[in-house]
N, C-alpha and C. Protein backbone atom coordinates (compact mmCIF):
# COMPACT_ATOMS: atom_id res chain seq x y z
N VAL A 1 -17.26 -44.79 -36.80
CA VAL A 1 -15.97 -44.16 -36.76
C VAL A 1 -15.80 -43.52 -35.39
N ASP A 2 -14.65 -43.73 -34.81
CA ASP A 2 -14.34 -43.20 -33.48
C ASP A 2 -15.41 -43.57 -32.46
N GLY A 3 -15.96 -44.78 -32.57
CA GLY A 3 -16.91 -45.31 -31.61
C GLY A 3 -18.33 -44.82 -31.78
N VAL A 4 -18.61 -44.01 -32.80
CA VAL A 4 -19.95 -43.49 -33.03
C VAL A 4 -20.60 -44.27 -34.17
N ARG A 5 -21.79 -44.80 -33.91
CA ARG A 5 -22.52 -45.56 -34.93
C ARG A 5 -23.49 -44.65 -35.65
N ALA A 6 -23.71 -44.96 -36.91
CA ALA A 6 -24.67 -44.21 -37.72
C ALA A 6 -26.03 -44.87 -37.62
N ASP A 7 -27.06 -44.17 -38.08
CA ASP A 7 -28.41 -44.73 -38.08
C ASP A 7 -28.53 -45.90 -39.05
N ALA A 8 -27.80 -45.83 -40.16
CA ALA A 8 -27.81 -46.90 -41.16
C ALA A 8 -26.55 -46.75 -42.00
N GLU A 9 -26.34 -47.71 -42.86
CA GLU A 9 -25.20 -47.69 -43.77
C GLU A 9 -25.65 -48.28 -45.10
N VAL A 10 -25.16 -47.70 -46.18
CA VAL A 10 -25.41 -48.26 -47.50
C VAL A 10 -24.06 -48.69 -48.06
N GLN A 11 -24.02 -49.90 -48.62
CA GLN A 11 -22.78 -50.45 -49.17
C GLN A 11 -22.98 -50.81 -50.63
N PHE A 12 -22.05 -50.37 -51.45
CA PHE A 12 -22.05 -50.70 -52.87
C PHE A 12 -20.87 -51.64 -53.09
N VAL A 13 -21.16 -52.91 -53.33
CA VAL A 13 -20.12 -53.92 -53.46
C VAL A 13 -19.79 -54.10 -54.94
N HIS A 14 -18.51 -54.01 -55.25
CA HIS A 14 -18.03 -54.14 -56.62
C HIS A 14 -17.09 -55.33 -56.70
N ARG A 15 -17.17 -56.06 -57.82
CA ARG A 15 -16.29 -57.20 -58.03
C ARG A 15 -15.67 -57.08 -59.41
N ALA A 16 -14.34 -57.21 -59.46
CA ALA A 16 -13.63 -57.11 -60.74
C ALA A 16 -13.99 -58.28 -61.64
N ALA A 17 -14.10 -57.97 -62.90
CA ALA A 17 -14.34 -59.03 -63.89
C ALA A 17 -13.05 -59.82 -64.06
N GLY A 18 -13.18 -61.02 -64.49
CA GLY A 18 -12.00 -61.84 -64.75
C GLY A 18 -11.64 -62.72 -63.58
N ALA A 19 -10.47 -63.31 -63.70
CA ALA A 19 -10.04 -64.32 -62.73
C ALA A 19 -9.74 -63.76 -61.35
N SER A 20 -9.32 -62.49 -61.27
CA SER A 20 -8.91 -61.97 -59.96
C SER A 20 -10.10 -61.88 -59.01
N GLY A 21 -11.24 -61.45 -59.51
CA GLY A 21 -12.42 -61.34 -58.67
C GLY A 21 -12.24 -60.41 -57.48
N LYS A 22 -11.26 -59.49 -57.54
CA LYS A 22 -11.02 -58.58 -56.43
C LYS A 22 -12.29 -57.80 -56.13
N ARG A 23 -12.45 -57.47 -54.85
CA ARG A 23 -13.66 -56.77 -54.42
C ARG A 23 -13.32 -55.45 -53.76
N MET A 24 -14.24 -54.51 -53.96
CA MET A 24 -14.15 -53.21 -53.31
C MET A 24 -15.55 -52.83 -52.87
N VAL A 25 -15.64 -52.28 -51.68
CA VAL A 25 -16.92 -51.80 -51.15
C VAL A 25 -16.81 -50.29 -50.97
N VAL A 26 -17.75 -49.57 -51.56
CA VAL A 26 -17.90 -48.14 -51.30
C VAL A 26 -19.07 -48.04 -50.32
N SER A 27 -18.79 -47.49 -49.15
CA SER A 27 -19.76 -47.47 -48.07
C SER A 27 -20.02 -46.04 -47.61
N ALA A 28 -21.27 -45.76 -47.28
CA ALA A 28 -21.63 -44.44 -46.75
C ALA A 28 -22.57 -44.62 -45.57
N PHE A 29 -22.32 -43.87 -44.52
CA PHE A 29 -23.23 -43.87 -43.39
C PHE A 29 -24.44 -43.02 -43.76
N VAL A 30 -25.57 -43.39 -43.17
CA VAL A 30 -26.83 -42.68 -43.42
C VAL A 30 -27.35 -42.17 -42.08
N SER A 31 -27.70 -40.90 -42.03
CA SER A 31 -28.24 -40.29 -40.82
C SER A 31 -29.67 -39.86 -41.05
N ALA A 32 -30.44 -39.87 -39.96
CA ALA A 32 -31.82 -39.40 -40.02
C ALA A 32 -31.82 -37.88 -39.95
N GLY A 33 -32.64 -37.28 -40.80
CA GLY A 33 -32.78 -35.83 -40.81
C GLY A 33 -34.25 -35.46 -40.74
N ALA A 34 -34.51 -34.18 -40.50
CA ALA A 34 -35.90 -33.71 -40.42
C ALA A 34 -36.59 -33.85 -41.77
N SER A 35 -35.87 -33.55 -42.81
CA SER A 35 -36.43 -33.72 -44.14
C SER A 35 -35.30 -34.05 -45.10
N ALA A 36 -35.58 -34.91 -46.02
CA ALA A 36 -34.59 -35.27 -47.02
C ALA A 36 -35.32 -35.82 -48.24
N THR A 37 -34.81 -35.51 -49.36
CA THR A 37 -35.33 -36.09 -50.58
C THR A 37 -34.14 -36.47 -51.43
N GLY A 38 -34.35 -37.39 -52.29
CA GLY A 38 -33.26 -37.78 -53.17
C GLY A 38 -33.39 -39.23 -53.56
N PRO A 39 -32.53 -39.66 -54.44
CA PRO A 39 -32.62 -41.02 -54.95
C PRO A 39 -32.41 -42.10 -53.90
N LEU A 40 -31.56 -41.87 -52.91
CA LEU A 40 -31.36 -42.88 -51.87
C LEU A 40 -32.65 -43.09 -51.08
N GLU A 41 -33.30 -42.00 -50.74
CA GLU A 41 -34.59 -42.09 -50.03
C GLU A 41 -35.58 -42.91 -50.86
N GLY A 42 -35.64 -42.63 -52.16
CA GLY A 42 -36.54 -43.37 -53.04
C GLY A 42 -36.19 -44.85 -53.13
N LEU A 43 -34.90 -45.16 -53.20
CA LEU A 43 -34.46 -46.56 -53.28
C LEU A 43 -34.84 -47.32 -52.01
N ILE A 44 -34.64 -46.70 -50.85
CA ILE A 44 -35.00 -47.35 -49.58
C ILE A 44 -36.51 -47.56 -49.52
N GLU A 45 -37.27 -46.54 -49.90
CA GLU A 45 -38.73 -46.67 -49.87
C GLU A 45 -39.21 -47.79 -50.79
N GLU A 46 -38.65 -47.87 -52.00
CA GLU A 46 -39.04 -48.94 -52.92
C GLU A 46 -38.64 -50.31 -52.38
N SER A 47 -37.46 -50.40 -51.78
CA SER A 47 -36.98 -51.69 -51.26
C SER A 47 -37.82 -52.15 -50.08
N THR A 48 -38.17 -51.24 -49.19
CA THR A 48 -38.96 -51.62 -48.02
C THR A 48 -40.40 -51.95 -48.41
N ALA A 49 -40.84 -51.48 -49.57
CA ALA A 49 -42.19 -51.80 -50.06
C ALA A 49 -42.20 -53.15 -50.79
N GLY A 50 -41.04 -53.78 -50.88
CA GLY A 50 -40.96 -55.10 -51.51
C GLY A 50 -40.84 -55.08 -53.01
N LYS A 51 -40.58 -53.92 -53.58
CA LYS A 51 -40.44 -53.84 -55.04
C LYS A 51 -39.12 -54.49 -55.46
N THR A 52 -39.16 -55.22 -56.55
CA THR A 52 -37.95 -55.83 -57.08
C THR A 52 -37.42 -55.07 -58.29
N GLU A 53 -38.25 -54.26 -58.90
CA GLU A 53 -37.84 -53.38 -59.99
C GLU A 53 -37.82 -51.96 -59.44
N HIS A 54 -36.68 -51.29 -59.61
CA HIS A 54 -36.54 -49.96 -59.03
C HIS A 54 -36.56 -48.89 -60.12
N THR A 55 -37.11 -47.73 -59.77
CA THR A 55 -37.22 -46.62 -60.72
C THR A 55 -36.24 -45.50 -60.39
N VAL A 56 -35.31 -45.76 -59.49
CA VAL A 56 -34.37 -44.73 -59.05
C VAL A 56 -33.39 -44.42 -60.18
N ASP A 57 -33.11 -43.14 -60.37
CA ASP A 57 -32.13 -42.68 -61.35
C ASP A 57 -30.74 -43.00 -60.80
N VAL A 58 -30.06 -43.95 -61.43
CA VAL A 58 -28.76 -44.40 -60.94
C VAL A 58 -27.73 -43.28 -60.99
N HIS A 59 -27.80 -42.43 -62.00
CA HIS A 59 -26.85 -41.32 -62.09
C HIS A 59 -27.05 -40.32 -60.95
N ALA A 60 -28.30 -40.04 -60.62
CA ALA A 60 -28.59 -39.13 -59.51
C ALA A 60 -28.15 -39.76 -58.18
N LEU A 61 -28.37 -41.06 -58.03
CA LEU A 61 -27.94 -41.77 -56.82
C LEU A 61 -26.41 -41.69 -56.69
N SER A 62 -25.71 -41.89 -57.79
CA SER A 62 -24.24 -41.79 -57.77
C SER A 62 -23.79 -40.41 -57.34
N ARG A 63 -24.43 -39.38 -57.87
CA ARG A 63 -24.07 -38.00 -57.48
C ARG A 63 -24.31 -37.78 -55.99
N GLN A 64 -25.46 -38.28 -55.48
CA GLN A 64 -25.78 -38.09 -54.06
C GLN A 64 -24.73 -38.78 -53.19
N VAL A 65 -24.36 -39.99 -53.55
CA VAL A 65 -23.40 -40.75 -52.75
C VAL A 65 -22.00 -40.15 -52.87
N LEU A 66 -21.58 -39.80 -54.06
CA LEU A 66 -20.21 -39.33 -54.25
C LEU A 66 -19.97 -37.92 -53.73
N VAL A 67 -21.03 -37.16 -53.51
CA VAL A 67 -20.88 -35.83 -52.93
C VAL A 67 -21.17 -35.87 -51.43
N GLY A 68 -22.30 -36.46 -51.04
CA GLY A 68 -22.72 -36.45 -49.64
C GLY A 68 -23.72 -35.34 -49.43
N THR A 69 -24.25 -35.25 -48.23
CA THR A 69 -25.24 -34.22 -47.92
C THR A 69 -24.52 -32.95 -47.53
N MET A 70 -24.80 -31.88 -48.25
CA MET A 70 -24.17 -30.59 -47.96
C MET A 70 -24.65 -30.09 -46.60
N PRO A 71 -23.74 -29.43 -45.86
CA PRO A 71 -24.15 -28.90 -44.56
C PRO A 71 -25.18 -27.77 -44.71
N ASP A 72 -26.14 -27.73 -43.77
CA ASP A 72 -27.14 -26.66 -43.75
C ASP A 72 -26.52 -25.35 -43.29
N ASP A 73 -25.53 -25.44 -42.42
CA ASP A 73 -24.88 -24.26 -41.87
C ASP A 73 -23.86 -23.73 -42.87
N ALA A 74 -24.10 -22.54 -43.40
CA ALA A 74 -23.23 -21.96 -44.43
C ALA A 74 -21.79 -21.81 -43.96
N SER A 75 -21.59 -21.64 -42.66
CA SER A 75 -20.22 -21.49 -42.15
C SER A 75 -19.42 -22.78 -42.28
N GLN A 76 -20.10 -23.91 -42.47
CA GLN A 76 -19.42 -25.20 -42.62
C GLN A 76 -19.04 -25.50 -44.07
N LEU A 77 -19.52 -24.72 -45.01
CA LEU A 77 -19.24 -24.98 -46.42
C LEU A 77 -17.76 -24.88 -46.76
N SER A 78 -17.03 -24.02 -46.06
CA SER A 78 -15.61 -23.86 -46.38
C SER A 78 -14.78 -25.10 -46.01
N VAL A 79 -15.27 -25.93 -45.09
CA VAL A 79 -14.54 -27.14 -44.71
C VAL A 79 -15.16 -28.41 -45.30
N PHE A 80 -16.26 -28.25 -46.02
CA PHE A 80 -16.92 -29.41 -46.62
C PHE A 80 -16.08 -29.94 -47.78
N ARG A 81 -15.86 -31.23 -47.81
CA ARG A 81 -15.19 -31.89 -48.92
C ARG A 81 -16.16 -32.93 -49.49
N PRO A 82 -16.36 -32.97 -50.80
CA PRO A 82 -17.24 -34.00 -51.35
C PRO A 82 -16.67 -35.39 -51.08
N ASN A 83 -17.55 -36.37 -50.98
CA ASN A 83 -17.13 -37.73 -50.63
C ASN A 83 -16.07 -38.30 -51.56
N PHE A 84 -16.12 -37.97 -52.84
CA PHE A 84 -15.13 -38.54 -53.74
C PHE A 84 -13.73 -38.00 -53.48
N ARG A 85 -13.62 -37.01 -52.62
CA ARG A 85 -12.32 -36.46 -52.22
C ARG A 85 -12.05 -36.59 -50.73
N SER A 86 -12.92 -37.28 -50.01
CA SER A 86 -12.78 -37.34 -48.56
C SER A 86 -13.35 -38.65 -48.04
N TYR A 87 -12.46 -39.60 -47.75
CA TYR A 87 -12.91 -40.93 -47.32
C TYR A 87 -11.81 -41.64 -46.55
N TYR A 88 -12.19 -42.72 -45.91
CA TYR A 88 -11.24 -43.61 -45.25
C TYR A 88 -11.04 -44.81 -46.17
N GLN A 89 -9.82 -45.32 -46.21
CA GLN A 89 -9.54 -46.51 -47.01
C GLN A 89 -8.82 -47.52 -46.14
N TYR A 90 -9.24 -48.77 -46.25
CA TYR A 90 -8.58 -49.85 -45.51
C TYR A 90 -8.89 -51.19 -46.16
N GLN A 91 -8.13 -52.19 -45.77
CA GLN A 91 -8.37 -53.57 -46.22
C GLN A 91 -9.18 -54.27 -45.14
N GLY A 92 -10.22 -54.95 -45.55
CA GLY A 92 -11.08 -55.64 -44.58
C GLY A 92 -11.74 -56.84 -45.21
N SER A 93 -12.97 -57.07 -44.79
CA SER A 93 -13.71 -58.23 -45.28
C SER A 93 -15.14 -57.80 -45.60
N LEU A 94 -15.85 -58.68 -46.29
CA LEU A 94 -17.28 -58.45 -46.47
C LEU A 94 -17.95 -58.54 -45.12
N THR A 95 -19.09 -57.90 -44.95
CA THR A 95 -19.75 -57.86 -43.65
C THR A 95 -20.78 -58.98 -43.48
N THR A 96 -20.99 -59.76 -44.51
CA THR A 96 -21.94 -60.87 -44.42
C THR A 96 -21.19 -62.18 -44.68
N PRO A 97 -21.67 -63.27 -44.08
CA PRO A 97 -20.99 -64.56 -44.26
C PRO A 97 -20.85 -64.89 -45.75
N PRO A 98 -19.71 -65.39 -46.13
CA PRO A 98 -18.62 -65.94 -45.32
C PRO A 98 -17.58 -64.91 -44.90
N CYS A 99 -17.90 -63.61 -44.95
CA CYS A 99 -17.00 -62.53 -44.52
C CYS A 99 -15.64 -62.62 -45.23
N THR A 100 -15.70 -62.75 -46.54
CA THR A 100 -14.51 -62.89 -47.38
C THR A 100 -13.51 -61.77 -47.11
N GLN A 101 -12.25 -62.14 -46.90
CA GLN A 101 -11.16 -61.19 -46.63
C GLN A 101 -10.61 -60.62 -47.93
N GLY A 102 -9.71 -59.65 -47.80
CA GLY A 102 -9.03 -59.07 -48.96
C GLY A 102 -9.87 -58.08 -49.73
N VAL A 103 -10.80 -57.43 -49.05
CA VAL A 103 -11.70 -56.47 -49.68
C VAL A 103 -11.19 -55.05 -49.39
N THR A 104 -11.08 -54.24 -50.44
CA THR A 104 -10.71 -52.84 -50.26
C THR A 104 -11.97 -52.06 -49.93
N TRP A 105 -11.93 -51.34 -48.82
CA TRP A 105 -13.07 -50.53 -48.37
C TRP A 105 -12.77 -49.06 -48.57
N LEU A 106 -13.75 -48.33 -49.08
CA LEU A 106 -13.74 -46.87 -49.11
C LEU A 106 -14.96 -46.43 -48.32
N LEU A 107 -14.74 -45.89 -47.15
CA LEU A 107 -15.82 -45.40 -46.29
C LEU A 107 -15.88 -43.89 -46.45
N LEU A 108 -16.96 -43.42 -47.04
CA LEU A 108 -17.11 -42.01 -47.33
C LEU A 108 -17.33 -41.22 -46.04
N ARG A 109 -16.69 -40.06 -45.92
CA ARG A 109 -16.74 -39.29 -44.67
C ARG A 109 -18.08 -38.62 -44.42
N ASN A 110 -18.70 -38.07 -45.46
CA ASN A 110 -19.94 -37.33 -45.28
C ASN A 110 -21.12 -38.28 -45.25
N HIS A 111 -21.90 -38.17 -44.20
CA HIS A 111 -23.11 -38.98 -44.11
C HIS A 111 -24.12 -38.55 -45.16
N LEU A 112 -24.93 -39.50 -45.62
CA LEU A 112 -26.08 -39.19 -46.45
C LEU A 112 -27.26 -39.01 -45.51
N THR A 113 -28.24 -38.22 -45.90
CA THR A 113 -29.37 -37.95 -45.02
C THR A 113 -30.66 -38.43 -45.68
N VAL A 114 -31.45 -39.13 -44.90
CA VAL A 114 -32.81 -39.50 -45.30
C VAL A 114 -33.74 -39.12 -44.16
N HIS A 115 -35.02 -39.05 -44.45
CA HIS A 115 -36.01 -38.67 -43.44
C HIS A 115 -36.00 -39.69 -42.30
N ALA A 116 -36.21 -39.22 -41.09
CA ALA A 116 -36.20 -40.10 -39.91
C ALA A 116 -37.20 -41.24 -40.04
N SER A 117 -38.35 -40.99 -40.65
CA SER A 117 -39.35 -42.05 -40.80
C SER A 117 -38.84 -43.16 -41.74
N THR A 118 -38.00 -42.81 -42.69
CA THR A 118 -37.42 -43.81 -43.60
C THR A 118 -36.47 -44.73 -42.83
N ILE A 119 -35.70 -44.16 -41.92
CA ILE A 119 -34.81 -44.98 -41.08
C ILE A 119 -35.64 -45.93 -40.23
N THR A 120 -36.73 -45.44 -39.65
CA THR A 120 -37.60 -46.27 -38.82
C THR A 120 -38.15 -47.45 -39.61
N VAL A 121 -38.62 -47.20 -40.82
CA VAL A 121 -39.15 -48.27 -41.67
C VAL A 121 -38.05 -49.26 -42.04
N LEU A 122 -36.88 -48.75 -42.38
CA LEU A 122 -35.76 -49.61 -42.75
C LEU A 122 -35.34 -50.50 -41.58
N GLN A 123 -35.23 -49.94 -40.39
CA GLN A 123 -34.84 -50.73 -39.23
C GLN A 123 -35.92 -51.74 -38.85
N ALA A 124 -37.19 -51.39 -39.04
CA ALA A 124 -38.27 -52.34 -38.75
C ALA A 124 -38.19 -53.53 -39.71
N MET A 125 -37.84 -53.27 -40.94
CA MET A 125 -37.74 -54.33 -41.94
C MET A 125 -36.49 -55.18 -41.74
N GLN A 126 -35.37 -54.55 -41.48
CA GLN A 126 -34.09 -55.25 -41.39
C GLN A 126 -33.76 -55.74 -39.98
N GLY A 127 -34.34 -55.12 -38.96
CA GLY A 127 -33.96 -55.44 -37.59
C GLY A 127 -32.58 -54.87 -37.29
N ARG A 128 -32.03 -55.27 -36.17
CA ARG A 128 -30.67 -54.83 -35.80
C ARG A 128 -29.71 -55.81 -36.44
N ASN A 129 -29.23 -55.50 -37.61
CA ASN A 129 -28.35 -56.41 -38.32
C ASN A 129 -26.91 -55.92 -38.39
N THR A 130 -26.54 -55.08 -37.44
CA THR A 130 -25.19 -54.53 -37.47
C THR A 130 -24.19 -55.57 -36.98
N ARG A 131 -23.09 -55.61 -37.67
CA ARG A 131 -21.99 -56.49 -37.29
C ARG A 131 -21.26 -55.83 -36.13
N PRO A 132 -20.82 -56.61 -35.15
CA PRO A 132 -20.06 -56.00 -34.05
C PRO A 132 -18.81 -55.30 -34.57
N LEU A 133 -18.36 -54.28 -33.85
CA LEU A 133 -17.13 -53.61 -34.23
C LEU A 133 -16.00 -54.63 -34.28
N GLN A 134 -15.14 -54.50 -35.26
CA GLN A 134 -14.02 -55.42 -35.44
C GLN A 134 -12.74 -54.75 -34.97
N GLU A 135 -11.86 -55.54 -34.40
CA GLU A 135 -10.54 -55.04 -34.04
C GLU A 135 -9.78 -54.71 -35.31
N LEU A 136 -8.81 -53.80 -35.22
CA LEU A 136 -8.02 -53.46 -36.40
C LEU A 136 -7.09 -54.60 -36.82
N ASN A 137 -6.66 -55.42 -35.86
CA ASN A 137 -5.81 -56.58 -36.16
C ASN A 137 -4.64 -56.21 -37.08
N GLY A 138 -3.97 -55.13 -36.77
CA GLY A 138 -2.79 -54.73 -37.53
C GLY A 138 -3.08 -54.00 -38.83
N ARG A 139 -4.35 -53.83 -39.17
CA ARG A 139 -4.66 -53.10 -40.40
C ARG A 139 -4.43 -51.61 -40.22
N HIS A 140 -4.14 -50.96 -41.31
CA HIS A 140 -4.00 -49.51 -41.32
C HIS A 140 -5.24 -48.90 -41.97
N VAL A 141 -5.71 -47.81 -41.38
CA VAL A 141 -6.82 -47.06 -41.95
C VAL A 141 -6.24 -45.74 -42.43
N TYR A 142 -6.42 -45.46 -43.71
CA TYR A 142 -5.90 -44.25 -44.32
C TYR A 142 -7.03 -43.24 -44.48
N GLU A 143 -6.74 -42.00 -44.13
CA GLU A 143 -7.71 -40.92 -44.26
C GLU A 143 -7.32 -40.10 -45.48
N VAL A 144 -8.18 -40.06 -46.46
CA VAL A 144 -7.88 -39.40 -47.72
C VAL A 144 -8.69 -38.12 -47.83
N GLY A 145 -8.01 -36.99 -48.03
CA GLY A 145 -8.68 -35.74 -48.36
C GLY A 145 -9.31 -34.98 -47.23
N SER A 146 -8.94 -35.24 -45.99
CA SER A 146 -9.56 -34.47 -44.90
C SER A 146 -8.98 -33.07 -44.86
N VAL A 147 -9.73 -32.16 -44.28
CA VAL A 147 -9.26 -30.78 -44.12
C VAL A 147 -8.01 -30.79 -43.25
N GLU A 148 -8.01 -31.59 -42.17
CA GLU A 148 -6.87 -31.63 -41.26
C GLU A 148 -5.63 -32.15 -41.99
N MET A 149 -5.80 -33.20 -42.80
CA MET A 149 -4.65 -33.75 -43.51
C MET A 149 -4.14 -32.75 -44.53
N SER A 150 -5.05 -32.08 -45.22
CA SER A 150 -4.65 -31.11 -46.23
C SER A 150 -3.83 -29.99 -45.59
N ALA A 151 -4.25 -29.50 -44.44
CA ALA A 151 -3.53 -28.43 -43.75
C ALA A 151 -2.18 -28.93 -43.24
N ALA A 152 -2.16 -30.16 -42.73
CA ALA A 152 -0.93 -30.70 -42.14
C ALA A 152 0.12 -31.03 -43.21
N THR A 153 -0.31 -31.28 -44.44
CA THR A 153 0.63 -31.68 -45.49
C THR A 153 0.84 -30.57 -46.52
N GLY A 154 0.48 -29.34 -46.15
CA GLY A 154 0.68 -28.22 -47.05
C GLY A 154 -0.18 -28.28 -48.29
N GLY A 155 -1.38 -28.85 -48.15
CA GLY A 155 -2.30 -28.91 -49.27
C GLY A 155 -2.39 -30.26 -49.93
N SER A 156 -1.46 -31.14 -49.63
CA SER A 156 -1.51 -32.49 -50.20
C SER A 156 -2.63 -33.28 -49.55
N THR A 157 -3.32 -34.07 -50.33
CA THR A 157 -4.39 -34.90 -49.76
C THR A 157 -4.10 -36.37 -50.02
N SER A 158 -2.83 -36.72 -50.13
CA SER A 158 -2.50 -38.12 -50.37
C SER A 158 -2.65 -38.93 -49.10
N ALA A 159 -2.89 -40.21 -49.28
CA ALA A 159 -3.07 -41.11 -48.13
C ALA A 159 -1.76 -41.83 -47.87
N ASP A 160 -0.77 -41.10 -47.35
CA ASP A 160 0.54 -41.72 -47.18
C ASP A 160 0.82 -42.13 -45.74
N ALA A 161 -0.07 -41.87 -44.84
CA ALA A 161 0.14 -42.26 -43.44
C ALA A 161 -1.17 -42.72 -42.84
N PRO A 162 -1.11 -43.82 -42.08
CA PRO A 162 -2.37 -44.28 -41.47
C PRO A 162 -2.81 -43.34 -40.36
N VAL A 163 -4.11 -43.30 -40.15
CA VAL A 163 -4.67 -42.56 -39.03
C VAL A 163 -5.06 -43.58 -37.97
N HIS A 164 -5.19 -43.15 -36.76
CA HIS A 164 -5.57 -44.06 -35.70
C HIS A 164 -6.96 -43.69 -35.23
N LEU A 165 -7.89 -44.59 -35.49
CA LEU A 165 -9.28 -44.39 -35.10
C LEU A 165 -9.57 -45.22 -33.87
N GLN A 166 -10.40 -44.69 -33.00
CA GLN A 166 -10.82 -45.45 -31.83
C GLN A 166 -11.72 -46.57 -32.27
N GLN A 167 -11.67 -47.68 -31.55
CA GLN A 167 -12.54 -48.82 -31.84
C GLN A 167 -13.94 -48.53 -31.37
């Protein structure tokens, strides 16, 4: 976002049942921290160890992703918005071939945090597999639930106007 890359990204790809087969991706950036614990850390550790059966609590993972990592600085708590109320929305494509178009993306604003050593292991296993930045190509990116939007709209957090993000 705004030309800044995260250490990693986790994507949850959903496909509608039935003939429509519409897709939505819920995506969260992951940052390296001095210490972190939680279900995402456990899932990455199990995956990098080659396990095919995971013991991660899916409900706890959902809570971690839908809230995000709370700020350590107490002065930032007043502007913190949980991820389920603060995200970017746009139409795009899948990030892996065949890069299917018509996918609704929800990019969560708050990064998730895992230990720096977990990022190192993940990158060693996956390599540099980041897709190059894509042009907007006329797409609109909507910012939902930001503090700035809430203040500018008198408390409303609706996504009624696109925001302009740097490439």
